[in-house]
C-alpha atoms as a PDB file:
ATOM      1  CA  MET A   1      -0.224  -0.007   0.011  1.00  0.00           C
ATOM      2  CA  ASP A   2       1.262   3.156  -0.893  1.00  0.00           C
ATOM      3  CA  PRO A   3       1.935   5.771   1.673  1.00  0.00           C
ATOM      4  CA  GLY A   4       0.053   8.698  -0.337  1.00  0.00           C
ATOM      5  CA  GLU A   5      -3.214   6.361  -0.952  1.00  0.00           C
ATOM      6  CA  LYS A   6      -4.379   6.289   2.388  1.00  0.00           C
ATOM      7  CA  PRO A   7      -5.189  10.024   2.774  1.00  0.00           C
ATOM      8  CA  ARG A   8      -7.175  10.013  -0.121  1.00  0.00           C
ATOM      9  CA  THR A   9      -9.295   7.355   0.179  1.00  0.00           C
ATOM     10  CA  SER A  10      -9.483   9.022   4.086  1.00  0.00           C
ATOM     11  CA  LYS A  11     -10.677  12.388   2.307  1.00  0.00           C
ATOM     12  CA  ARG A  12     -13.444  10.352  -0.475  1.00  0.00           C
ATOM     13  CA  ARG A  13     -14.665   8.900   2.994  1.00  0.00           C
ATOM     14  CA  TRP A  14     -14.904  11.964   5.123  1.00  0.00           C
ATOM     15  CA  LYS A  15     -16.966  13.703   2.098  1.00  0.00           C
ATOM     16  CA  LEU A  16     -19.424  10.373   1.401  1.00  0.00           C
ATOM     17  CA  ILE A  17     -20.096  10.611   5.135  1.00  0.00           C
ATOM     18  CA  VAL A  18     -20.879  14.007   5.219  1.00  0.00           C
ATOM     19  CA  CYS A  19     -22.607  13.976   2.039  1.00  0.00           C
ATOM     20  CA  THR A  20     -25.132  11.360   3.514  1.00  0.00           C
ATOM     21  CA  VAL A  21     -25.760  13.181   6.801  1.00  0.00           C
ATOM     22  CA  ILE A  22     -26.593  16.055   4.893  1.00  0.00           C
ATOM     23  CA  VAL A  23     -28.933  13.939   2.453  1.00  0.00           C
ATOM     24  CA  VAL A  24     -30.670  12.508   5.135  1.00  0.00           C
ATOM     25  CA  LEU A  25     -31.120  15.373   7.275  1.00  0.00           C
ATOM     26  CA  GLY A  26     -32.603  17.249   4.308  1.00  0.00           C
ATOM     27  CA  LEU A  27     -35.211  14.225   3.651  1.00  0.00           C
ATOM     28  CA  VAL A  28     -36.054  13.991   7.662  1.00  0.00           C
ATOM     29  CA  TRP A  29     -36.517  17.515   7.242  1.00  0.00           C
ATOM     30  CA  LEU A  30     -39.523  17.478   3.900  1.00  0.00           C
ATOM     31  CA  GLY A  31     -41.196  14.489   6.134  1.00  0.00           C
ATOM     32  CA  LEU A  32     -41.642  16.928   8.757  1.00  0.00           C
ATOM     33  CA  PHE A  33     -42.319  19.656   6.663  1.00  0.00           C
ATOM     34  CA  LEU A  34     -44.755  17.526   4.833  1.00  0.00           C
ATOM     35  CA  SER A  35     -46.527  15.592   8.076  1.00  0.00           C
ATOM     36  CA  ILE A  36     -46.663  18.313  10.433  1.00  0.00           C
ATOM     37  CA  GLY A  37     -46.837  21.873   8.509  1.00  0.00           C
ATOM     38  CA  GLY A  38     -47.872  20.908   4.956  1.00  0.00           C
ATOM     39  CA  ASP A  39     -51.760  21.738   5.489  1.00  0.00           C
ATOM     40  CA  PHE A  40     -52.015  25.100   6.970  1.00  0.00           C
ATOM     41  CA  TYR A  41     -55.596  24.389   7.074  1.00  0.00           C
ATOM     42  CA  LYS A  42     -58.418  22.099   6.338  1.00  0.00           C
ATOM     43  CA  THR A  43     -61.555  22.937   4.084  1.00  0.00           C
ATOM     44  CA  VAL A  44     -65.009  23.023   5.186  1.00  0.00           C
ATOM     45  CA  GLU A  45     -65.582  19.852   3.092  1.00  0.00           C
ATOM     46  CA  GLU A  46     -62.271  17.828   4.842  1.00  0.00           C
ATOM     47  CA  LEU A  47     -63.478  18.808   8.254  1.00  0.00           C
ATOM     48  CA  THR A  48     -67.474  18.188   8.062  1.00  0.00           C
ATOM     49  CA  GLN A  49     -66.671  14.754   6.860  1.00  0.00           C
ATOM     50  CA  SER A  50     -64.404  14.056   9.756  1.00  0.00           C
ATOM     51  CA  GLY A  51     -65.252  13.269  13.159  1.00  0.00           C
ATOM     52  CA  THR A  52     -64.655  15.295  16.091  1.00  0.00           C
ATOM     53  CA  ALA A  53     -60.792  16.906  15.822  1.00  0.00           C
ATOM     54  CA  GLN A  54     -58.588  17.988  17.776  1.00  0.00           C
ATOM     55  CA  THR A  55     -56.865  20.763  17.275  1.00  0.00           C
ATOM     56  CA  THR A  56     -57.130  21.815  14.035  1.00  0.00           C
ATOM     57  CA  ARG A  57     -57.386  24.713  11.781  1.00  0.00           C
ATOM     58  CA  VAL A  58     -60.350  25.401   9.196  1.00  0.00           C
ATOM     59  CA  GLY A  59     -60.545  27.503   6.271  1.00  0.00           C
ATOM     60  CA  GLY A  60     -63.625  29.381   4.441  1.00  0.00           C
ATOM     61  CA  ARG A  61     -65.989  32.054   3.495  1.00  0.00           C
ATOM     62  CA  VAL A  62     -67.573  33.695   5.843  1.00  0.00           C
ATOM     63  CA  SER A  63     -71.445  33.318   4.731  1.00  0.00           C
ATOM     64  CA  PRO A  64     -73.704  36.243   4.135  1.00  0.00           C
ATOM     65  CA  GLY A  65     -76.206  37.162   6.666  1.00  0.00           C
ATOM     66  CA  GLY A  66     -74.818  34.701   9.527  1.00  0.00           C
ATOM     67  CA  ILE A  67     -72.903  36.901  11.859  1.00  0.00           C
ATOM     68  CA  LYS A  68     -74.635  37.127  15.146  1.00  0.00           C
ATOM     69  CA  GLN A  69     -72.684  38.428  18.581  1.00  0.00           C
ATOM     70  CA  ASP A  70     -74.305  37.934  21.809  1.00  0.00           C
ATOM     71  CA  GLY A  71     -71.448  39.834  24.431  1.00  0.00           C
ATOM     72  CA  ASP A  72     -68.214  38.257  23.765  1.00  0.00           C
ATOM     73  CA  THR A  73     -69.707  35.077  21.755  1.00  0.00           C
ATOM     74  CA  VAL A  74     -69.581  35.560  18.093  1.00  0.00           C
ATOM     75  CA  ARG A  75     -71.148  32.808  15.788  1.00  0.00           C
ATOM     76  CA  PHE A  76     -70.690  32.558  11.830  1.00  0.00           C
ATOM     77  CA  SER A  77     -70.806  30.055   9.503  1.00  0.00           C
ATOM     78  CA  LEU A  78     -68.151  29.106   6.865  1.00  0.00           C
ATOM     79  CA  SER A  79     -68.965  28.201   3.123  1.00  0.00           C
ATOM     80  CA  GLY A  80     -66.465  25.747   1.415  1.00  0.00           C
ATOM     81  CA  ASP A  81     -66.251  25.664  -2.179  1.00  0.00           C
ATOM     82  CA  SER A  82     -68.591  23.423  -2.815  1.00  0.00           C
ATOM     83  CA  GLY A  83     -71.158  24.797  -0.559  1.00  0.00           C
ATOM     84  CA  ALA A  84     -70.911  23.117   2.452  1.00  0.00           C
ATOM     85  CA  GLU A  85     -71.344  25.039   5.322  1.00  0.00           C
ATOM     86  CA  LEU A  86     -69.848  24.601   9.261  1.00  0.00           C
ATOM     87  CA  GLN A  87     -71.112  26.678  11.902  1.00  0.00           C
ATOM     88  CA  VAL A  88     -68.218  28.347  13.882  1.00  0.00           C
ATOM     89  CA  VAL A  89     -68.389  29.599  17.623  1.00  0.00           C
ATOM     90  CA  TYR A  90     -65.992  32.233  18.679  1.00  0.00           C
ATOM     91  CA  GLN A  91     -65.397  33.445  22.360  1.00  0.00           C
ATOM     92  CA  GLY A  92     -63.303  36.534  22.836  1.00  0.00           C
ATOM     93  CA  PRO A  93     -63.043  39.883  21.062  1.00  0.00           C
ATOM     94  CA  TYR A  94     -65.169  40.835  18.036  1.00  0.00           C
ATOM     95  CA  PRO A  95     -62.318  40.139  15.148  1.00  0.00           C
ATOM     96  CA  GLU A  96     -61.851  43.273  13.063  1.00  0.00           C
ATOM     97  CA  ARG A  97     -62.849  42.514   9.403  1.00  0.00           C
ATOM     98  CA  LEU A  98     -64.949  39.784  10.014  1.00  0.00           C
ATOM     99  CA  SER A  99     -67.649  40.655   7.660  1.00  0.00           C
ATOM    100  CA  PRO A 100     -69.873  38.472   4.970  1.00  0.00           C
ATOM    101  CA  TYR A 101     -67.652  36.799   2.084  1.00  0.00           C
ATOM    102  CA  GLN A 102     -64.219  37.457   3.865  1.00  0.00           C
ATOM    103  CA  GLU A 103     -62.002  34.722   3.815  1.00  0.00           C
ATOM    104  CA  VAL A 104     -61.185  33.489   7.502  1.00  0.00           C
ATOM    105  CA  VAL A 105     -59.190  30.436   8.832  1.00  0.00           C
ATOM    106  CA  ALA A 106     -60.371  30.014  12.339  1.00  0.00           C
ATOM    107  CA  ALA A 107     -58.387  27.500  14.756  1.00  0.00           C
ATOM    108  CA  GLY A 108     -59.991  25.478  17.289  1.00  0.00           C
ATOM    109  CA  SER A 109     -61.651  22.182  17.676  1.00  0.00           C
ATOM    110  CA  LYS A 110     -64.920  20.688  16.686  1.00  0.00           C
ATOM    111  CA  ALA A 111     -67.418  19.961  18.953  1.00  0.00           C
ATOM    112  CA  SER A 112     -69.535  16.449  19.210  1.00  0.00           C
ATOM    113  CA  ASP A 113     -72.391  18.811  17.751  1.00  0.00           C
ATOM    114  CA  GLY A 114     -71.101  19.590  14.732  1.00  0.00           C
ATOM    115  CA  THR A 115     -70.395  22.801  15.350  1.00  0.00           C
ATOM    116  CA  PHE A 116     -66.460  24.518  15.112  1.00  0.00           C
ATOM    117  CA  GLU A 117     -65.675  26.056  18.776  1.00  0.00           C
ATOM    118  CA  ALA A 118     -62.670  28.207  17.747  1.00  0.00           C
ATOM    119  CA  THR A 119     -60.089  29.947  19.877  1.00  0.00           C
ATOM    120  CA  GLU A 120     -58.796  32.043  17.024  1.00  0.00           C
ATOM    121  CA  ILE A 121     -60.286  33.615  14.521  1.00  0.00           C
ATOM    122  CA  LEU A 122     -57.780  34.659  10.947  1.00  0.00           C
ATOM    123  CA  VAL A 123     -59.386  37.312   8.782  1.00  0.00           C
ATOM    124  CA  LYS A 124     -57.386  37.125   5.551  1.00  0.00           C
ATOM    125  CA  CYS A 125     -56.222  40.603   4.055  1.00  0.00           C
ATOM    126  CA  PRO A 126     -58.667  42.523   1.483  1.00  0.00           C
ATOM    127  CA  SER A 127     -57.167  42.364  -2.248  1.00  0.00           C
ATOM    128  CA  LYS A 128     -54.661  45.057  -3.083  1.00  0.00           C
ATOM    129  CA  PHE A 129     -55.996  45.514  -6.330  1.00  0.00           C
ATOM    130  CA  LEU A 130     -59.732  45.413  -6.252  1.00  0.00           C
ATOM    131  CA  PRO A 131     -61.390  48.054  -3.864  1.00  0.00           C
ATOM    132  CA  GLU A 132     -63.538  45.950  -0.956  1.00  0.00           C
ATOM    133  CA  LYS A 133     -66.297  47.261  -2.231  1.00  0.00           C
ATOM    134  CA  VAL A 134     -65.808  46.395  -5.544  1.00  0.00           C
ATOM    135  CA  PHE A 135     -64.435  42.814  -3.993  1.00  0.00           C
ATOM    136  CA  VAL A 136     -67.951  42.493  -1.772  1.00  0.00           C
ATOM    137  CA  GLU A 137     -70.106  42.921  -4.943  1.00  0.00           C
ATOM    138  CA  ALA A 138     -68.554  41.172  -6.975  1.00  0.00           C
ATOM    139  CA  LEU A 139     -68.761  37.948  -4.434  1.00  0.00           C
ATOM    140  CA  SER A 140     -72.050  38.260  -3.781  1.00  0.00           C
ATOM    141  CA  GLY A 141     -73.365  38.008  -6.712  1.00  0.00           C
ATOM    142  CA  ALA A 142     -74.529  41.242  -8.080  1.00  0.00           C
ATOM    143  CA  GLY A 143     -72.113  41.841 -10.651  1.00  0.00           C
ATOM    144  CA  LEU A 144     -68.559  44.591 -11.673  1.00  0.00           C
ATOM    145  CA  GLU A 145     -71.513  46.560 -13.602  1.00  0.00           C
ATOM    146  CA  ARG A 146     -73.646  48.082 -10.644  1.00  0.00           C
ATOM    147  CA  VAL A 147     -70.589  49.294  -9.183  1.00  0.00           C
ATOM    148  CA  LEU A 148     -68.687  50.455 -11.886  1.00  0.00           C
ATOM    149  CA  TYR A 149     -71.554  52.401 -13.639  1.00  0.00           C
END
């Protein structure tokens, strides 16, 4: 065995070990991301099909005419893309921009009676490209021509 050959194989071995460790750590991180943080929230349809849940998040659009406040309790319903409805009960201060047709993510858990007991309400910021009045009117089915003309 040549004395110059030993350090060369030793360097290759270290490079192989370092690369293997980096690849394994990357795969572990990817696996954790997809299993834990891949879905920020469930849709209304996904949550209504499942049973009672541990703490989770659900996203949807606030149904028109369904926001009711009684003291610190706010009740409203979320609509999914297919028209599914989910009743939400939130205890706490009234969310600042909560209004009909607003996109909302609610954090909490589903009760045995089918309502979602929210502990936190996140209201999506309005679009920068459309004025809020145009956005709400278009979503309510009135059409843009009534607002623009």
